[in-house]
Amino acid sequence: MEQVACSHISAISELKVAKEHVCEECVKLGDDWVHLRTCQECGVTLCCDDSKNKHATAHFHATAHPVISSAEYNERWVWCYADESFVTY
């Protein structure tokens, strides 16, 4: 990854990847999702803000885990909620 001013993103030495390509919370609710994001602190995979439930953002607000990565096969980026920083790699 490129060097960034965000200390949360800079602290990541190895990206966590989605274990399963599903939103764990949407599955519990029987809902669908649009795109998936993986928390870089705990590894949970949840749905994006384009999805009805916005579970990834809700996870940040509940846990203060600041960095997510795209869990989509063709996307290579991370986002820090706390610093509103975006980095592609």
N, C-alpha and C. Protein backbone atom coordinates (compact mmCIF):
# COMPACT_ATOMS: atom_id res chain seq x y z
N MET A 1 0.84 -1.18 0.00
CA MET A 1 0.00 0.00 0.00
C MET A 1 0.88 1.24 0.00
N GLU A 2 0.36 2.30 -0.55
CA GLU A 2 1.10 3.55 -0.54
C GLU A 2 1.10 4.15 0.86
N GLN A 3 2.04 5.02 1.14
CA GLN A 3 2.13 5.68 2.44
C GLN A 3 0.99 6.69 2.56
N VAL A 4 0.30 6.69 3.69
CA VAL A 4 -0.81 7.62 3.90
C VAL A 4 -0.65 8.30 5.25
N ALA A 5 -1.34 9.42 5.40
CA ALA A 5 -1.29 10.17 6.64
C ALA A 5 -2.12 9.51 7.75
N CYS A 6 -3.01 8.63 7.39
CA CYS A 6 -3.88 7.97 8.36
C CYS A 6 -3.09 6.90 9.13
N SER A 7 -2.99 7.07 10.42
CA SER A 7 -2.24 6.11 11.24
C SER A 7 -2.95 4.76 11.33
N HIS A 8 -4.26 4.75 11.20
CA HIS A 8 -5.01 3.49 11.27
C HIS A 8 -4.68 2.60 10.07
N ILE A 9 -4.66 3.19 8.88
CA ILE A 9 -4.33 2.44 7.68
C ILE A 9 -2.85 2.07 7.68
N SER A 10 -1.99 3.00 8.07
CA SER A 10 -0.55 2.74 8.09
C SER A 10 -0.19 1.60 9.04
N ALA A 11 -1.00 1.36 10.05
CA ALA A 11 -0.72 0.31 11.04
C ALA A 11 -1.02 -1.09 10.51
N ILE A 12 -1.70 -1.20 9.37
CA ILE A 12 -2.05 -2.52 8.82
C ILE A 12 -0.84 -3.10 8.11
N SER A 13 -0.40 -4.25 8.58
CA SER A 13 0.74 -4.89 7.93
C SER A 13 0.30 -6.00 6.97
N GLU A 14 -0.84 -6.60 7.25
CA GLU A 14 -1.38 -7.64 6.38
C GLU A 14 -2.90 -7.54 6.37
N LEU A 15 -3.48 -7.46 5.18
CA LEU A 15 -4.93 -7.33 5.07
C LEU A 15 -5.65 -8.60 5.47
N LYS A 16 -6.72 -8.43 6.22
CA LYS A 16 -7.63 -9.54 6.50
C LYS A 16 -8.54 -9.69 5.29
N VAL A 17 -8.83 -10.91 4.91
CA VAL A 17 -9.71 -11.16 3.77
C VAL A 17 -10.97 -11.86 4.25
N ALA A 18 -12.03 -11.72 3.46
CA ALA A 18 -13.30 -12.34 3.81
C ALA A 18 -13.16 -13.86 3.84
N LYS A 19 -13.63 -14.47 4.92
CA LYS A 19 -13.62 -15.93 5.02
C LYS A 19 -14.73 -16.52 4.15
N GLU A 20 -15.86 -15.86 4.14
CA GLU A 20 -16.99 -16.23 3.28
C GLU A 20 -17.45 -14.97 2.59
N HIS A 21 -17.96 -15.09 1.41
CA HIS A 21 -18.39 -13.92 0.65
C HIS A 21 -19.87 -13.63 0.89
N VAL A 22 -20.18 -13.36 2.17
CA VAL A 22 -21.55 -13.03 2.60
C VAL A 22 -21.49 -11.98 3.70
N CYS A 23 -22.56 -11.21 3.83
CA CYS A 23 -22.71 -10.32 4.99
C CYS A 23 -23.28 -11.17 6.11
N GLU A 24 -22.50 -11.37 7.14
CA GLU A 24 -22.91 -12.24 8.25
C GLU A 24 -24.21 -11.77 8.90
N GLU A 25 -24.41 -10.47 9.02
CA GLU A 25 -25.62 -9.93 9.66
C GLU A 25 -26.83 -10.02 8.73
N CYS A 26 -26.65 -9.78 7.44
CA CYS A 26 -27.77 -9.90 6.49
C CYS A 26 -28.25 -11.35 6.41
N VAL A 27 -27.32 -12.30 6.47
CA VAL A 27 -27.69 -13.71 6.45
C VAL A 27 -28.62 -14.00 7.63
N LYS A 28 -28.29 -13.49 8.81
CA LYS A 28 -29.13 -13.70 10.00
C LYS A 28 -30.54 -13.13 9.80
N LEU A 29 -30.63 -12.01 9.06
CA LEU A 29 -31.92 -11.34 8.84
C LEU A 29 -32.66 -11.87 7.61
N GLY A 30 -31.97 -12.64 6.79
CA GLY A 30 -32.58 -13.10 5.55
C GLY A 30 -32.61 -12.02 4.48
N ASP A 31 -31.75 -11.01 4.60
CA ASP A 31 -31.70 -9.89 3.65
C ASP A 31 -30.59 -10.09 2.63
N ASP A 32 -30.64 -9.26 1.58
CA ASP A 32 -29.62 -9.24 0.54
C ASP A 32 -28.69 -8.05 0.79
N TRP A 33 -27.57 -8.03 0.08
CA TRP A 33 -26.61 -6.93 0.17
C TRP A 33 -26.14 -6.59 -1.22
N VAL A 34 -25.47 -5.41 -1.34
CA VAL A 34 -24.96 -4.96 -2.63
C VAL A 34 -23.48 -5.32 -2.76
N HIS A 35 -22.65 -4.82 -1.84
CA HIS A 35 -21.21 -5.09 -1.84
C HIS A 35 -20.79 -5.45 -0.42
N LEU A 36 -19.62 -6.04 -0.31
CA LEU A 36 -19.14 -6.49 1.00
C LEU A 36 -17.85 -5.79 1.40
N ARG A 37 -17.68 -5.58 2.70
CA ARG A 37 -16.50 -4.95 3.28
C ARG A 37 -16.01 -5.81 4.44
N THR A 38 -14.69 -5.86 4.63
CA THR A 38 -14.12 -6.64 5.71
C THR A 38 -13.43 -5.72 6.71
N CYS A 39 -13.79 -5.85 7.96
CA CYS A 39 -13.17 -5.07 9.04
C CYS A 39 -11.72 -5.52 9.19
N GLN A 40 -10.81 -4.57 9.22
CA GLN A 40 -9.41 -4.90 9.30
C GLN A 40 -8.92 -5.08 10.73
N GLU A 41 -9.80 -4.89 11.69
CA GLU A 41 -9.44 -5.17 13.08
C GLU A 41 -9.87 -6.56 13.52
N CYS A 42 -11.13 -6.92 13.23
CA CYS A 42 -11.63 -8.21 13.72
C CYS A 42 -11.92 -9.22 12.61
N GLY A 43 -11.93 -8.77 11.34
CA GLY A 43 -12.10 -9.70 10.22
C GLY A 43 -13.54 -10.00 9.84
N VAL A 44 -14.52 -9.41 10.49
CA VAL A 44 -15.91 -9.66 10.13
C VAL A 44 -16.21 -9.05 8.76
N THR A 45 -17.03 -9.73 7.96
CA THR A 45 -17.40 -9.23 6.64
C THR A 45 -18.87 -8.82 6.68
N LEU A 46 -19.13 -7.58 6.26
CA LEU A 46 -20.46 -6.99 6.35
C LEU A 46 -20.78 -6.19 5.10
N CYS A 47 -22.04 -5.77 4.97
CA CYS A 47 -22.49 -5.06 3.78
C CYS A 47 -22.15 -3.58 3.80
N CYS A 48 -22.08 -3.00 2.60
CA CYS A 48 -21.68 -1.61 2.40
C CYS A 48 -22.87 -0.66 2.60
N ASP A 49 -22.57 0.64 2.45
CA ASP A 49 -23.61 1.65 2.61
C ASP A 49 -24.61 1.70 1.46
N ASP A 50 -24.32 1.05 0.35
CA ASP A 50 -25.31 0.95 -0.73
C ASP A 50 -26.34 -0.13 -0.43
N SER A 51 -26.06 -0.95 0.56
CA SER A 51 -26.98 -2.00 0.98
C SER A 51 -28.00 -1.45 1.97
N LYS A 52 -29.14 -2.08 2.06
CA LYS A 52 -30.23 -1.63 2.92
C LYS A 52 -29.80 -1.45 4.38
N ASN A 53 -29.04 -2.41 4.90
CA ASN A 53 -28.73 -2.41 6.34
C ASN A 53 -27.45 -1.69 6.74
N LYS A 54 -26.57 -1.42 5.81
CA LYS A 54 -25.33 -0.68 6.09
C LYS A 54 -24.58 -1.23 7.29
N HIS A 55 -24.42 -2.55 7.33
CA HIS A 55 -23.83 -3.20 8.50
C HIS A 55 -22.37 -2.84 8.75
N ALA A 56 -21.58 -2.57 7.71
CA ALA A 56 -20.17 -2.22 7.93
C ALA A 56 -20.05 -0.90 8.69
N THR A 57 -20.82 0.09 8.30
CA THR A 57 -20.78 1.38 9.00
C THR A 57 -21.34 1.23 10.41
N ALA A 58 -22.40 0.46 10.57
CA ALA A 58 -22.94 0.21 11.91
C ALA A 58 -21.91 -0.47 12.80
N HIS A 59 -21.13 -1.37 12.22
CA HIS A 59 -20.06 -2.05 12.97
C HIS A 59 -19.02 -1.05 13.45
N PHE A 60 -18.63 -0.11 12.59
CA PHE A 60 -17.68 0.94 13.00
C PHE A 60 -18.25 1.74 14.17
N HIS A 61 -19.50 2.16 14.09
CA HIS A 61 -20.10 2.96 15.16
C HIS A 61 -20.23 2.17 16.47
N ALA A 62 -20.46 0.89 16.38
CA ALA A 62 -20.61 0.05 17.57
C ALA A 62 -19.27 -0.34 18.20
N THR A 63 -18.23 -0.47 17.38
CA THR A 63 -16.96 -1.02 17.89
C THR A 63 -15.79 -0.04 17.83
N ALA A 64 -15.90 1.01 17.03
CA ALA A 64 -14.81 1.95 16.75
C ALA A 64 -13.65 1.29 16.00
N HIS A 65 -13.91 0.17 15.32
CA HIS A 65 -12.91 -0.44 14.43
C HIS A 65 -12.88 0.43 13.18
N PRO A 66 -11.81 1.18 12.94
CA PRO A 66 -11.85 2.24 11.92
C PRO A 66 -11.65 1.83 10.47
N VAL A 67 -10.97 0.71 10.18
CA VAL A 67 -10.57 0.44 8.80
C VAL A 67 -11.30 -0.78 8.23
N ILE A 68 -11.84 -0.58 7.02
CA ILE A 68 -12.45 -1.68 6.27
C ILE A 68 -11.72 -1.80 4.93
N SER A 69 -11.81 -2.98 4.34
CA SER A 69 -11.34 -3.16 2.98
C SER A 69 -12.50 -3.70 2.16
N SER A 70 -12.41 -3.51 0.86
CA SER A 70 -13.41 -4.10 -0.01
C SER A 70 -13.23 -5.62 0.00
N ALA A 71 -14.33 -6.34 0.10
CA ALA A 71 -14.29 -7.80 0.02
C ALA A 71 -14.70 -8.27 -1.38
N GLU A 72 -14.85 -7.32 -2.29
CA GLU A 72 -15.20 -7.65 -3.67
C GLU A 72 -13.96 -8.15 -4.40
N TYR A 73 -14.14 -9.15 -5.23
CA TYR A 73 -13.03 -9.81 -5.91
C TYR A 73 -12.20 -8.87 -6.79
N ASN A 74 -12.82 -7.89 -7.39
CA ASN A 74 -12.14 -7.02 -8.34
C ASN A 74 -11.77 -5.65 -7.77
N GLU A 75 -11.87 -5.45 -6.46
CA GLU A 75 -11.56 -4.16 -5.84
C GLU A 75 -10.42 -4.34 -4.84
N ARG A 76 -9.49 -3.38 -4.85
CA ARG A 76 -8.34 -3.43 -3.95
C ARG A 76 -8.18 -2.05 -3.29
N TRP A 77 -8.91 -1.84 -2.20
CA TRP A 77 -8.81 -0.58 -1.48
C TRP A 77 -9.16 -0.77 -0.01
N VAL A 78 -8.75 0.22 0.79
CA VAL A 78 -9.12 0.28 2.20
C VAL A 78 -9.65 1.68 2.49
N TRP A 79 -10.51 1.77 3.51
CA TRP A 79 -11.14 3.03 3.92
C TRP A 79 -11.06 3.13 5.43
N CYS A 80 -10.69 4.30 5.91
CA CYS A 80 -10.69 4.56 7.34
C CYS A 80 -11.85 5.49 7.66
N TYR A 81 -12.79 4.99 8.44
CA TYR A 81 -13.93 5.82 8.84
C TYR A 81 -13.48 6.99 9.69
N ALA A 82 -12.57 6.76 10.63
CA ALA A 82 -12.15 7.80 11.58
C ALA A 82 -11.51 9.00 10.89
N ASP A 83 -10.64 8.73 9.93
CA ASP A 83 -9.91 9.80 9.25
C ASP A 83 -10.43 10.10 7.85
N GLU A 84 -11.46 9.37 7.42
CA GLU A 84 -12.02 9.52 6.08
C GLU A 84 -10.91 9.45 5.04
N SER A 85 -10.07 8.41 5.16
CA SER A 85 -8.96 8.18 4.24
C SER A 85 -9.23 6.97 3.38
N PHE A 86 -8.88 7.07 2.11
CA PHE A 86 -9.10 6.02 1.13
C PHE A 86 -7.76 5.73 0.46
N VAL A 87 -7.40 4.46 0.39
CA VAL A 87 -6.14 4.07 -0.25
C VAL A 87 -6.40 2.87 -1.15
N THR A 88 -5.91 2.94 -2.37
CA THR A 88 -5.94 1.77 -3.25
C THR A 88 -4.59 1.09 -3.18
N TYR A 89 -4.57 -0.18 -3.47
CA TYR A 89 -3.29 -0.92 -3.44
C TYR A 89 -3.25 -1.93 -4.57
